[in-house]
C-alpha atoms as a PDB file:
ATOM      1  CA  MET A   1       0.000   0.011   0.012  1.00  0.00           C
ATOM      2  CA  ASP A   2       1.569   3.290  -1.050  1.00  0.00           C
ATOM      3  CA  ARG A   3       1.415   6.654   0.678  1.00  0.00           C
ATOM      4  CA  HIS A   4      -1.339   8.042  -1.564  1.00  0.00           C
ATOM      5  CA  GLN A   5      -3.598   5.058  -0.892  1.00  0.00           C
ATOM      6  CA  VAL A   6      -2.947   5.291   2.857  1.00  0.00           C
ATOM      7  CA  LEU A   7      -3.791   9.015   2.951  1.00  0.00           C
ATOM      8  CA  GLN A   8      -6.983   8.466   0.932  1.00  0.00           C
ATOM      9  CA  ARG A   9      -8.149   5.737   3.306  1.00  0.00           C
ATOM     10  CA  ILE A  10      -7.314   7.758   6.406  1.00  0.00           C
ATOM     11  CA  HIS A  11      -9.329  10.686   5.116  1.00  0.00           C
ATOM     12  CA  ALA A  12     -12.271   8.386   4.433  1.00  0.00           C
ATOM     13  CA  GLU A  13     -12.084   6.588   7.803  1.00  0.00           C
ATOM     14  CA  ILE A  14     -11.740   9.837   9.755  1.00  0.00           C
ATOM     15  CA  ASP A  15     -15.020  11.050   8.255  1.00  0.00           C
ATOM     16  CA  HIS A  16     -16.714   7.978   9.733  1.00  0.00           C
ATOM     17  CA  LEU A  17     -15.581   8.684  13.262  1.00  0.00           C
ATOM     18  CA  PRO A  18     -17.968  10.559  15.612  1.00  0.00           C
ATOM     19  CA  THR A  19     -17.621  14.330  15.674  1.00  0.00           C
ATOM     20  CA  LEU A  20     -16.427  16.156  18.751  1.00  0.00           C
ATOM     21  CA  PRO A  21     -19.013  17.149  21.354  1.00  0.00           C
ATOM     22  CA  THR A  22     -20.957  20.189  20.193  1.00  0.00           C
ATOM     23  CA  VAL A  23     -19.985  22.233  23.270  1.00  0.00           C
ATOM     24  CA  LEU A  24     -16.282  22.221  22.468  1.00  0.00           C
ATOM     25  CA  PRO A  25     -16.194  24.931  19.761  1.00  0.00           C
ATOM     26  CA  ARG A  26     -17.986  27.290  22.145  1.00  0.00           C
ATOM     27  CA  VAL A  27     -15.578  26.410  24.992  1.00  0.00           C
ATOM     28  CA  LEU A  28     -12.544  26.961  22.771  1.00  0.00           C
ATOM     29  CA  LYS A  29     -13.825  30.318  21.573  1.00  0.00           C
ATOM     30  CA  LEU A  30     -14.504  31.479  25.147  1.00  0.00           C
ATOM     31  CA  VAL A  31     -11.138  30.356  26.490  1.00  0.00           C
ATOM     32  CA  GLU A  32      -9.291  32.203  23.733  1.00  0.00           C
ATOM     33  CA  ASP A  33     -11.347  35.369  24.387  1.00  0.00           C
ATOM     34  CA  PRO A  34      -9.539  37.467  27.044  1.00  0.00           C
ATOM     35  CA  ASP A  35     -12.834  39.107  27.998  1.00  0.00           C
ATOM     36  CA  SER A  36     -14.717  35.880  28.754  1.00  0.00           C
ATOM     37  CA  SER A  37     -15.452  34.886  32.310  1.00  0.00           C
ATOM     38  CA  ALA A  38     -15.206  31.612  34.241  1.00  0.00           C
ATOM     39  CA  GLN A  39     -18.992  31.607  34.536  1.00  0.00           C
ATOM     40  CA  GLU A  40     -19.345  31.670  30.752  1.00  0.00           C
ATOM     41  CA  ILE A  41     -17.064  28.646  30.524  1.00  0.00           C
ATOM     42  CA  VAL A  42     -19.165  26.831  33.103  1.00  0.00           C
ATOM     43  CA  GLU A  43     -22.398  27.633  31.224  1.00  0.00           C
ATOM     44  CA  ALA A  44     -20.863  26.406  27.970  1.00  0.00           C
ATOM     45  CA  ILE A  45     -19.778  22.987  29.381  1.00  0.00           C
ATOM     46  CA  THR A  46     -22.754  22.290  31.707  1.00  0.00           C
ATOM     47  CA  PRO A  47     -25.237  21.144  29.004  1.00  0.00           C
ATOM     48  CA  ASP A  48     -22.939  18.174  28.228  1.00  0.00           C
ATOM     49  CA  LEU A  49     -23.572  16.122  31.364  1.00  0.00           C
ATOM     50  CA  ALA A  50     -21.124  13.341  30.449  1.00  0.00           C
ATOM     51  CA  LEU A  51     -18.293  15.795  29.792  1.00  0.00           C
ATOM     52  CA  THR A  52     -19.095  17.662  33.000  1.00  0.00           C
ATOM     53  CA  ALA A  53     -18.937  14.457  35.011  1.00  0.00           C
ATOM     54  CA  ARG A  54     -15.604  13.438  33.498  1.00  0.00           C
ATOM     55  CA  ILE A  55     -14.018  16.823  34.161  1.00  0.00           C
ATOM     56  CA  LEU A  56     -15.163  16.722  37.822  1.00  0.00           C
ATOM     57  CA  LYS A  57     -13.869  13.145  38.173  1.00  0.00           C
ATOM     58  CA  ALA A  58     -10.487  14.160  36.796  1.00  0.00           C
ATOM     59  CA  ALA A  59     -10.399  17.317  38.964  1.00  0.00           C
ATOM     60  CA  ASN A  60     -10.967  15.180  42.057  1.00  0.00           C
ATOM     61  CA  SER A  61      -8.179  12.740  41.173  1.00  0.00           C
ATOM     62  CA  ALA A  62      -4.927  12.727  43.141  1.00  0.00           C
ATOM     63  CA  TYR A  63      -3.224  14.241  40.079  1.00  0.00           C
ATOM     64  CA  TYR A  64      -4.182  17.747  41.138  1.00  0.00           C
ATOM     65  CA  GLY A  65      -3.742  17.255  44.884  1.00  0.00           C
ATOM     66  CA  ILE A  66      -6.757  19.399  45.771  1.00  0.00           C
ATOM     67  CA  PRO A  67      -7.553  18.573  49.427  1.00  0.00           C
ATOM     68  CA  SER A  68     -11.341  18.919  49.357  1.00  0.00           C
ATOM     69  CA  SER A  69     -13.897  17.424  46.998  1.00  0.00           C
ATOM     70  CA  ILE A  70     -14.964  19.455  43.946  1.00  0.00           C
ATOM     71  CA  SER A  71     -18.656  18.920  43.339  1.00  0.00           C
ATOM     72  CA  ASN A  72     -19.396  21.432  40.565  1.00  0.00           C
ATOM     73  CA  LEU A  73     -17.847  23.253  37.660  1.00  0.00           C
ATOM     74  CA  GLU A  74     -18.247  26.618  39.355  1.00  0.00           C
ATOM     75  CA  ARG A  75     -15.579  25.533  41.809  1.00  0.00           C
ATOM     76  CA  ALA A  76     -13.523  23.403  39.364  1.00  0.00           C
ATOM     77  CA  VAL A  77     -12.935  26.159  36.773  1.00  0.00           C
ATOM     78  CA  PRO A  78     -11.238  28.716  39.086  1.00  0.00           C
ATOM     79  CA  LEU A  79      -9.251  26.028  40.915  1.00  0.00           C
ATOM     80  CA  LEU A  80      -7.930  24.308  37.784  1.00  0.00           C
ATOM     81  CA  GLY A  81      -7.680  27.390  35.617  1.00  0.00           C
ATOM     82  CA  LEU A  82      -9.322  28.140  32.260  1.00  0.00           C
ATOM     83  CA  GLY A  83      -6.439  26.688  30.295  1.00  0.00           C
ATOM     84  CA  MET A  84      -6.548  23.325  32.077  1.00  0.00           C
ATOM     85  CA  VAL A  85     -10.342  23.073  31.891  1.00  0.00           C
ATOM     86  CA  LYS A  86     -10.077  23.669  28.153  1.00  0.00           C
ATOM     87  CA  SER A  87      -7.365  20.987  27.920  1.00  0.00           C
ATOM     88  CA  LEU A  88      -9.475  18.512  29.832  1.00  0.00           C
ATOM     89  CA  ALA A  89     -12.575  19.219  27.776  1.00  0.00           C
ATOM     90  CA  LEU A  90     -10.693  18.933  24.494  1.00  0.00           C
ATOM     91  CA  ALA A  91      -8.771  15.798  25.451  1.00  0.00           C
ATOM     92  CA  MET A  92     -11.815  14.003  26.846  1.00  0.00           C
ATOM     93  CA  GLY A  93     -13.858  14.954  23.806  1.00  0.00           C
ATOM     94  CA  VAL A  94     -11.184  13.515  21.514  1.00  0.00           C
ATOM     95  CA  ILE A  95     -10.747  10.308  23.531  1.00  0.00           C
ATOM     96  CA  GLU A  96     -14.503   9.746  23.611  1.00  0.00           C
ATOM     97  CA  CYS A  97     -14.635   9.827  19.821  1.00  0.00           C
ATOM     98  CA  LEU A  98     -11.802   7.363  19.253  1.00  0.00           C
ATOM     99  CA  PRO A  99     -11.981   3.566  19.218  1.00  0.00           C
ATOM    100  CA  GLN A 100     -11.504   2.251  22.749  1.00  0.00           C
ATOM    101  CA  LYS A 101     -11.038  -1.491  22.250  1.00  0.00           C
ATOM    102  CA  ILE A 102      -7.689  -1.666  20.505  1.00  0.00           C
ATOM    103  CA  GLY A 103      -4.837  -3.675  21.828  1.00  0.00           C
ATOM    104  CA  GLY A 104      -2.971  -6.893  22.044  1.00  0.00           C
ATOM    105  CA  LYS A 105       0.255  -8.099  23.529  1.00  0.00           C
ATOM    106  CA  GLU A 106       2.180  -5.686  21.288  1.00  0.00           C
ATOM    107  CA  PHE A 107       0.056  -2.586  21.868  1.00  0.00           C
ATOM    108  CA  ALA A 108      -2.277  -1.440  24.609  1.00  0.00           C
ATOM    109  CA  ALA A 109      -4.311   1.765  24.337  1.00  0.00           C
ATOM    110  CA  LYS A 110      -3.983   2.231  28.111  1.00  0.00           C
ATOM    111  CA  ASP A 111      -0.216   2.281  27.929  1.00  0.00           C
ATOM    112  CA  LEU A 112      -0.377   4.811  25.070  1.00  0.00           C
ATOM    113  CA  TRP A 113      -2.639   7.176  27.048  1.00  0.00           C
ATOM    114  CA  VAL A 114      -0.564   6.888  30.252  1.00  0.00           C
ATOM    115  CA  HIS A 115       2.539   7.650  28.161  1.00  0.00           C
ATOM    116  CA  SER A 116       0.722  10.601  26.609  1.00  0.00           C
ATOM    117  CA  LEU A 117      -0.364  11.870  30.034  1.00  0.00           C
ATOM    118  CA  ALA A 118       3.261  11.679  31.136  1.00  0.00           C
ATOM    119  CA  VAL A 119       4.352  13.669  28.096  1.00  0.00           C
ATOM    120  CA  ALA A 120       1.600  16.208  28.796  1.00  0.00           C
ATOM    121  CA  THR A 121       2.753  16.501  32.384  1.00  0.00           C
ATOM    122  CA  ALA A 122       6.371  16.936  31.328  1.00  0.00           C
ATOM    123  CA  VAL A 123       5.548  19.560  28.726  1.00  0.00           C
ATOM    124  CA  ASP A 124       3.346  21.447  31.196  1.00  0.00           C
ATOM    125  CA  GLU A 125       6.035  21.285  33.886  1.00  0.00           C
ATOM    126  CA  MET A 126       8.716  22.555  31.506  1.00  0.00           C
ATOM    127  CA  GLY A 127       6.408  25.330  30.439  1.00  0.00           C
ATOM    128  CA  HIS A 128       6.087  26.440  34.025  1.00  0.00           C
ATOM    129  CA  LEU A 129       9.859  26.222  34.624  1.00  0.00           C
ATOM    130  CA  LEU A 130      10.533  28.284  31.511  1.00  0.00           C
ATOM    131  CA  ASP A 131       7.652  30.686  32.258  1.00  0.00           C
ATOM    132  CA  VAL A 132       5.941  29.870  28.931  1.00  0.00           C
ATOM    133  CA  LYS A 133       2.402  31.149  29.301  1.00  0.00           C
ATOM    134  CA  THR A 134       0.435  28.958  26.896  1.00  0.00           C
ATOM    135  CA  GLY A 135      -2.757  27.181  27.801  1.00  0.00           C
ATOM    136  CA  TYR A 136      -2.562  24.436  25.178  1.00  0.00           C
ATOM    137  CA  LEU A 137       0.681  22.692  26.099  1.00  0.00           C
ATOM    138  CA  PHE A 138      -0.998  20.009  28.172  1.00  0.00           C
ATOM    139  CA  THR A 139      -3.434  19.183  25.353  1.00  0.00           C
ATOM    140  CA  MET A 140      -0.608  19.144  22.782  1.00  0.00           C
ATOM    141  CA  GLY A 141       1.279  16.576  24.908  1.00  0.00           C
ATOM    142  CA  LEU A 142      -1.781  14.478  25.620  1.00  0.00           C
ATOM    143  CA  LEU A 143      -2.813  14.216  21.973  1.00  0.00           C
ATOM    144  CA  HIS A 144       0.619  13.928  20.330  1.00  0.00           C
ATOM    145  CA  ASP A 145       0.394  10.159  19.675  1.00  0.00           C
ATOM    146  CA  VAL A 146      -3.296   9.931  18.803  1.00  0.00           C
ATOM    147  CA  GLY A 147      -2.348   8.868  15.263  1.00  0.00           C
ATOM    148  CA  GLN A 148      -1.196   5.485  16.649  1.00  0.00           C
ATOM    149  CA  ILE A 149      -4.811   4.666  17.529  1.00  0.00           C
ATOM    150  CA  ILE A 150      -5.960   5.527  13.986  1.00  0.00           C
ATOM    151  CA  LEU A 151      -3.208   3.318  12.469  1.00  0.00           C
ATOM    152  CA  ALA A 152      -3.925   0.480  14.904  1.00  0.00           C
ATOM    153  CA  GLN A 153      -7.652   0.641  14.047  1.00  0.00           C
ATOM    154  CA  PHE A 154      -7.559   1.014  10.283  1.00  0.00           C
ATOM    155  CA  PHE A 155      -4.159  -0.421   9.316  1.00  0.00           C
ATOM    156  CA  ARG A 156      -3.884  -3.062  12.013  1.00  0.00           C
ATOM    157  CA  GLU A 157      -1.697  -5.535  10.127  1.00  0.00           C
ATOM    158  CA  GLU A 158       0.802  -2.926   8.925  1.00  0.00           C
ATOM    159  CA  PHE A 159       0.863  -1.135  12.287  1.00  0.00           C
ATOM    160  CA  PHE A 160       1.636  -4.312  14.239  1.00  0.00           C
ATOM    161  CA  GLN A 161       4.314  -5.184  11.642  1.00  0.00           C
ATOM    162  CA  ALA A 162       5.794  -1.739  12.342  1.00  0.00           C
ATOM    163  CA  LEU A 163       5.830  -2.503  16.068  1.00  0.00           C
ATOM    164  CA  GLU A 164       7.649  -5.779  15.457  1.00  0.00           C
ATOM    165  CA  LEU A 165      10.072  -4.153  13.012  1.00  0.00           C
ATOM    166  CA  CYS A 166      11.159  -1.431  15.431  1.00  0.00           C
ATOM    167  CA  ARG A 167      11.693  -4.068  18.141  1.00  0.00           C
ATOM    168  CA  SER A 168      13.918  -6.136  15.931  1.00  0.00           C
ATOM    169  CA  ARG A 169      16.178  -3.371  14.626  1.00  0.00           C
ATOM    170  CA  GLU A 170      18.448  -1.369  16.934  1.00  0.00           C
ATOM    171  CA  ASP A 171      17.911   2.398  16.778  1.00  0.00           C
ATOM    172  CA  PHE A 172      14.884   1.930  14.502  1.00  0.00           C
ATOM    173  CA  HIS A 173      11.919   3.808  15.950  1.00  0.00           C
ATOM    174  CA  LEU A 174       8.203   3.202  15.435  1.00  0.00           C
ATOM    175  CA  HIS A 175       7.857   6.283  13.218  1.00  0.00           C
ATOM    176  CA  ASP A 176      10.667   4.948  11.013  1.00  0.00           C
ATOM    177  CA  ALA A 177       8.894   1.594  10.662  1.00  0.00           C
ATOM    178  CA  GLU A 178       5.553   3.290   9.929  1.00  0.00           C
ATOM    179  CA  ARG A 179       7.121   5.336   7.161  1.00  0.00           C
ATOM    180  CA  GLU A 180       8.768   2.261   5.687  1.00  0.00           C
ATOM    181  CA  LEU A 181       5.546   0.230   5.637  1.00  0.00           C
ATOM    182  CA  LEU A 182       2.881   2.906   5.092  1.00  0.00           C
ATOM    183  CA  GLY A 183       4.670   6.028   3.883  1.00  0.00           C
ATOM    184  CA  VAL A 184       3.343   8.106   6.815  1.00  0.00           C
ATOM    185  CA  ASP A 185       4.017   8.214  10.558  1.00  0.00           C
ATOM    186  CA  HIS A 186       1.581   8.516  13.416  1.00  0.00           C
ATOM    187  CA  GLY A 187       2.410  12.206  13.944  1.00  0.00           C
ATOM    188  CA  GLU A 188       1.192  13.096  10.491  1.00  0.00           C
ATOM    189  CA  VAL A 189      -1.859  10.859  10.837  1.00  0.00           C
ATOM    190  CA  GLY A 190      -2.732  12.308  14.244  1.00  0.00           C
ATOM    191  CA  ALA A 191      -2.494  15.825  12.859  1.00  0.00           C
ATOM    192  CA  MET A 192      -4.881  14.890  10.017  1.00  0.00           C
ATOM    193  CA  LEU A 193      -7.487  13.835  12.594  1.00  0.00           C
ATOM    194  CA  LEU A 194      -7.019  16.862  14.810  1.00  0.00           C
ATOM    195  CA  LYS A 195      -7.194  19.210  11.836  1.00  0.00           C
ATOM    196  CA  ARG A 196     -10.386  17.513  10.656  1.00  0.00           C
ATOM    197  CA  TRP A 197     -11.850  18.159  14.086  1.00  0.00           C
ATOM    198  CA  LYS A 198     -10.811  21.837  13.811  1.00  0.00           C
ATOM    199  CA  LEU A 199      -8.367  21.858  16.699  1.00  0.00           C
ATOM    200  CA  PRO A 200      -6.063  24.934  16.656  1.00  0.00           C
ATOM    201  CA  ALA A 201      -2.902  24.962  14.587  1.00  0.00           C
ATOM    202  CA  SER A 202      -0.911  25.493  17.803  1.00  0.00           C
ATOM    203  CA  ILE A 203      -1.705  21.882  18.644  1.00  0.00           C
ATOM    204  CA  VAL A 204      -1.950  20.343  15.161  1.00  0.00           C
ATOM    205  CA  LYS A 205       1.373  21.497  13.730  1.00  0.00           C
ATOM    206  CA  PRO A 206       3.685  20.267  16.575  1.00  0.00           C
ATOM    207  CA  VAL A 207       1.821  16.935  16.607  1.00  0.00           C
ATOM    208  CA  ALA A 208       2.436  16.533  12.856  1.00  0.00           C
ATOM    209  CA  ALA A 209       6.147  17.324  13.195  1.00  0.00           C
ATOM    210  CA  HIS A 210       7.190  15.717  16.458  1.00  0.00           C
ATOM    211  CA  HIS A 211       9.070  12.925  14.671  1.00  0.00           C
ATOM    212  CA  ILE A 212      10.647  15.159  12.033  1.00  0.00           C
ATOM    213  CA  ASP A 213      14.183  16.254  12.725  1.00  0.00           C
ATOM    214  CA  GLY A 214      14.682  20.028  12.677  1.00  0.00           C
ATOM    215  CA  PHE A 215      11.957  22.651  12.573  1.00  0.00           C
ATOM    216  CA  PRO A 216       9.619  22.492   9.564  1.00  0.00           C
ATOM    217  CA  LYS A 217       8.342  25.809   8.248  1.00  0.00           C
ATOM    218  CA  GLY A 218       5.258  27.132  10.012  1.00  0.00           C
ATOM    219  CA  VAL A 219       5.740  25.231  13.261  1.00  0.00           C
ATOM    220  CA  ASP A 220       6.384  27.093  16.502  1.00  0.00           C
ATOM    221  CA  GLU A 221       9.930  26.018  17.389  1.00  0.00           C
ATOM    222  CA  LEU A 222       9.476  26.401  21.133  1.00  0.00           C
ATOM    223  CA  ASP A 223       6.306  24.268  21.207  1.00  0.00           C
ATOM    224  CA  LEU A 224       7.875  21.561  19.025  1.00  0.00           C
ATOM    225  CA  ALA A 225      11.030  21.508  21.141  1.00  0.00           C
ATOM    226  CA  LEU A 226       8.937  21.195  24.323  1.00  0.00           C
ATOM    227  CA  LEU A 227       6.956  18.299  22.848  1.00  0.00           C
ATOM    228  CA  ARG A 228      10.034  16.388  21.673  1.00  0.00           C
ATOM    229  CA  VAL A 229      11.924  16.885  24.909  1.00  0.00           C
ATOM    230  CA  GLY A 230       8.832  15.970  26.919  1.00  0.00           C
ATOM    231  CA  ASP A 231       8.555  12.739  24.919  1.00  0.00           C
ATOM    232  CA  PHE A 232      12.195  11.972  25.614  1.00  0.00           C
ATOM    233  CA  VAL A 233      11.977  12.688  29.341  1.00  0.00           C
ATOM    234  CA  SER A 234       8.811  10.627  29.805  1.00  0.00           C
ATOM    235  CA  GLN A 235      10.589   7.612  28.290  1.00  0.00           C
ATOM    236  CA  GLN A 236      13.569   8.210  30.560  1.00  0.00           C
ATOM    237  CA  ALA A 237      11.201   8.217  33.536  1.00  0.00           C
ATOM    238  CA  GLY A 238       9.899   4.798  32.574  1.00  0.00           C
ATOM    239  CA  LEU A 239       6.244   5.763  32.171  1.00  0.00           C
ATOM    240  CA  TYR A 240       5.608   3.415  29.245  1.00  0.00           C
ATOM    241  CA  HIS A 241       7.060   4.048  25.853  1.00  0.00           C
ATOM    242  CA  GLY A 242       4.013   4.915  23.750  1.00  0.00           C
ATOM    243  CA  GLY A 243       4.751   2.137  21.227  1.00  0.00           C
ATOM    244  CA  ASN A 244       8.398   3.115  20.881  1.00  0.00           C
ATOM    245  CA  PRO A 245      10.493   0.453  22.636  1.00  0.00           C
ATOM    246  CA  VAL A 246      13.761   1.982  21.365  1.00  0.00           C
ATOM    247  CA  PRO A 247      14.490   5.062  23.578  1.00  0.00           C
ATOM    248  CA  TYR A 248      14.601   8.446  21.920  1.00  0.00           C
ATOM    249  CA  LYS A 249      17.597  10.713  21.908  1.00  0.00           C
ATOM    250  CA  VAL A 250      17.272  14.342  22.844  1.00  0.00           C
ATOM    251  CA  PHE A 251      18.365  16.700  20.081  1.00  0.00           C
ATOM    252  CA  ASP A 252      20.821  19.474  20.895  1.00  0.00           C
ATOM    253  CA  HIS A 253      18.831  21.934  18.772  1.00  0.00           C
ATOM    254  CA  ASP A 254      15.778  21.337  20.920  1.00  0.00           C
ATOM    255  CA  LEU A 255      17.696  22.012  24.101  1.00  0.00           C
ATOM    256  CA  GLU A 256      19.213  25.139  22.518  1.00  0.00           C
ATOM    257  CA  ILE A 257      15.781  26.444  21.640  1.00  0.00           C
ATOM    258  CA  LEU A 258      14.601  25.852  25.193  1.00  0.00           C
ATOM    259  CA  GLU A 259      17.862  27.125  26.721  1.00  0.00           C
ATOM    260  CA  MET A 260      17.515  24.201  29.122  1.00  0.00           C
ATOM    261  CA  GLU A 261      20.361  22.760  31.140  1.00  0.00           C
ATOM    262  CA  PRO A 262      20.635  19.019  31.825  1.00  0.00           C
ATOM    263  CA  LYS A 263      19.830  19.565  35.494  1.00  0.00           C
ATOM    264  CA  VAL A 264      16.410  20.906  34.507  1.00  0.00           C
ATOM    265  CA  LEU A 265      15.720  17.724  32.554  1.00  0.00           C
ATOM    266  CA  ASP A 266      16.678  15.781  35.657  1.00  0.00           C
ATOM    267  CA  GLN A 267      14.158  17.852  37.646  1.00  0.00           C
ATOM    268  CA  VAL A 268      11.355  17.160  35.165  1.00  0.00           C
ATOM    269  CA  ARG A 269      12.222  13.460  34.991  1.00  0.00           C
ATOM    270  CA  GLU A 270      12.167  13.170  38.787  1.00  0.00           C
ATOM    271  CA  HIS A 271       8.840  14.989  38.840  1.00  0.00           C
ATOM    272  CA  LEU A 272       7.413  12.358  36.503  1.00  0.00           C
ATOM    273  CA  VAL A 273       8.849   9.468  38.513  1.00  0.00           C
ATOM    274  CA  GLN A 274       7.278  10.840  41.666  1.00  0.00           C
ATOM    275  CA  SER A 275       3.971  11.476  39.822  1.00  0.00           C
ATOM    276  CA  ARG A 276       3.628   7.998  38.296  1.00  0.00           C
ATOM    277  CA  GLU A 277       0.751   6.830  40.539  1.00  0.00           C
ATOM    278  CA  LYS A 278      -1.033  10.139  40.111  1.00  0.00           C
ATOM    279  CA  ILE A 279      -0.707   9.963  36.301  1.00  0.00           C
ATOM    280  CA  GLU A 280      -2.039   6.393  36.180  1.00  0.00           C
ATOM    281  CA  GLY A 281      -4.892   7.403  38.480  1.00  0.00           C
ATOM    282  CA  PHE A 282      -5.661  10.372  36.304  1.00  0.00           C
ATOM    283  CA  PHE A 283      -6.003   8.076  33.289  1.00  0.00           C
ATOM    284  CA  GLN A 284      -8.558   6.053  35.191  1.00  0.00           C
ATOM    285  CA  ALA A 285     -10.436   9.228  36.085  1.00  0.00           C
ATOM    286  CA  MET A 286     -10.615  10.285  32.464  1.00  0.00           C
ATOM    287  CA  GLY A 287     -12.371   7.078  31.447  1.00  0.00           C
END
């Protein structure tokens, strides 16, 4: 199957997936509007009872360490912050629309999502350490490997061959095997899905490029560097490998963009190691 055939089929299959919850475009618009209020965010999310329940469940997980129970969105939004509420709403909306029963001994969706939560946590932590004020970093990290689920669902044989191939060849990563067998990698495929669902370019473009060396034109270099370094650190911390059994290497140009010293990477890695149980619990809360 050549690249053109693969892309055609992906476009067709994506159109058959459920659309995102109808409240999300309104939520996104409000969060990006500096004049919007927390109450407006609450009123936009509340009509979707399932989404509301999942956000509250996640907010009450040990991940956030909030000492008392949060029983309503009015309290959750100011405590978590508008950016995190948007990230939760977006991520849960995406996860809800994706196939849930994919797996096998070679690939487990749970491991992928825990890895993705670890990357999201790492990216968010580095953003705080570097004083990067962006509300979408957590979502970018959480959704960066979503293309693996699409490939596992619609190109199961080729995807599992790719998993076996990267396990049998030293320094041969999953994205290399995907390109060899399908002509595309899961970053590009994930970006196709997120773009189809009208997620912002600030998320779509780094997802598309996170396995491309260098900085492709039109991609925010800081965001892409954060994502790639977050992916690297999460593997170092041992929080699953997201389908990539061969450990990544951190690129010097990413560290140069971030102006990040090795000791900062050590801090982030240690933060992930200490947060492992919270991250796994957060995954359960999102379900």
